[in-house]
Every structure is written in C-alpha cells, then in structure tokens.
Amino acid sequence: MLNNIGLPGLLLIAVVVLVLFGRGKISSLMGEVGKGITSFKKGINEGKAELEKAAADEAVDVTPTSDKDKA
C-alpha cells in the first residue's frame, strides 16, 4: 500500500503536516529527535567502551618468564 507513494505524495504529506502543526512545533519536535539520536549514539559508544575495558581487564599476560625472573 505504501510502496508507491513517490515524491509528490511525500511532499503533499509534508505540506499537510506543516499546515496542521506549524513550523515552530515541528522544529522543536525535530530538535528533540536530534537530542534523542545524539543520546542514543553516546550510550552506544559508552557501552562499547565498557565492553572493551572489561575485555582488557580479563586479558591475561601470557609473556613467558625465565627462571632468573622468579628468583
């Protein structure tokens, strides 16, 4: 059903939304969407860094040691 909307249909929808809600409300909504996307990306990066730190903490030093180092 929505496969054949096309560019003219999307432009018509955009105009109708702009008329119904007004420019100010739409711009504030888009600002909130942008903040949400930024927050999501920040959370993804923090989670990735936390996982990398945990993996680094679990890494074991496998450097061979000689008998001289033990004494």
Protein backbone atom coordinates (compact mmCIF):
# COMPACT_ATOMS: atom_id res chain seq x y z
CA MET A 1 0.00 0.00 0.00
CA LEU A 2 2.75 2.46 0.92
CA ASN A 3 5.15 1.16 -1.71
CA ASN A 4 4.06 3.60 -4.42
CA ILE A 5 3.72 6.94 -2.59
CA GLY A 6 6.52 8.63 -4.53
CA LEU A 7 7.98 12.11 -4.20
CA PRO A 8 4.78 14.07 -4.92
CA GLY A 9 2.93 12.13 -2.24
CA LEU A 10 5.68 12.74 0.30
CA LEU A 11 5.69 16.46 -0.50
CA LEU A 12 1.92 16.61 -0.05
CA ILE A 13 2.19 14.86 3.31
CA ALA A 14 4.94 17.28 4.39
CA VAL A 15 2.82 20.29 3.45
CA VAL A 16 -0.22 18.95 5.29
CA VAL A 17 1.83 18.27 8.43
CA LEU A 18 3.37 21.75 8.24
CA VAL A 19 -0.08 23.35 7.94
CA LEU A 20 -1.55 21.29 10.78
CA PHE A 21 1.24 21.64 13.33
CA GLY A 22 3.04 24.82 12.35
CA ARG A 23 6.71 25.50 11.83
CA GLY A 24 7.56 26.11 15.48
CA LYS A 25 6.13 22.86 16.77
CA ILE A 26 7.79 20.82 14.01
CA SER A 27 11.19 22.45 14.59
CA SER A 28 11.00 21.78 18.34
CA LEU A 29 10.00 18.17 17.62
CA MET A 30 12.94 17.73 15.26
CA GLY A 31 15.23 19.21 17.92
CA GLU A 32 14.03 16.61 20.40
CA VAL A 33 14.54 13.85 17.82
CA GLY A 34 18.10 15.10 17.27
CA LYS A 35 18.78 15.09 21.02
CA GLY A 36 17.44 11.55 21.24
CA ILE A 37 19.66 10.35 18.41
CA THR A 38 22.69 12.01 20.00
CA SER A 39 21.90 10.43 23.35
CA PHE A 40 21.47 7.03 21.72
CA LYS A 41 24.82 7.27 19.95
CA LYS A 42 26.51 8.38 23.18
CA GLY A 43 25.02 5.40 25.01
CA ILE A 44 26.19 3.00 22.29
CA ASN A 45 29.73 4.40 22.45
CA GLU A 46 29.80 4.22 26.26
CA GLY A 47 28.58 0.62 26.20
CA LYS A 48 31.17 -0.30 23.61
CA ALA A 49 33.94 1.33 25.67
CA GLU A 50 32.74 -0.51 28.78
CA LEU A 51 32.80 -3.86 26.97
CA GLU A 52 36.29 -3.17 25.61
CA LYS A 53 37.51 -2.22 29.10
CA ALA A 54 36.04 -5.40 30.57
CA ALA A 55 37.71 -7.48 27.85
CA ALA A 56 41.04 -5.74 28.52
CA ASP A 57 40.70 -6.38 32.26
CA GLU A 58 40.10 -10.08 31.60
CA ALA A 59 43.11 -10.37 29.31
CA VAL A 60 45.86 -12.46 30.84
CA ASP A 61 49.55 -11.69 30.45
CA VAL A 62 51.00 -14.74 28.70
CA THR A 63 54.55 -13.45 28.40
CA PRO A 64 56.93 -16.33 29.08
CA THR A 65 59.18 -15.83 32.08
CA SER A 66 62.56 -17.37 32.71
CA ASP A 67 63.81 -18.95 35.93
CA LYS A 68 66.02 -15.91 36.56
CA ASP A 69 62.96 -13.66 36.85
CA LYS A 70 61.46 -15.88 39.55
CA ALA A 71 64.45 -15.56 41.88
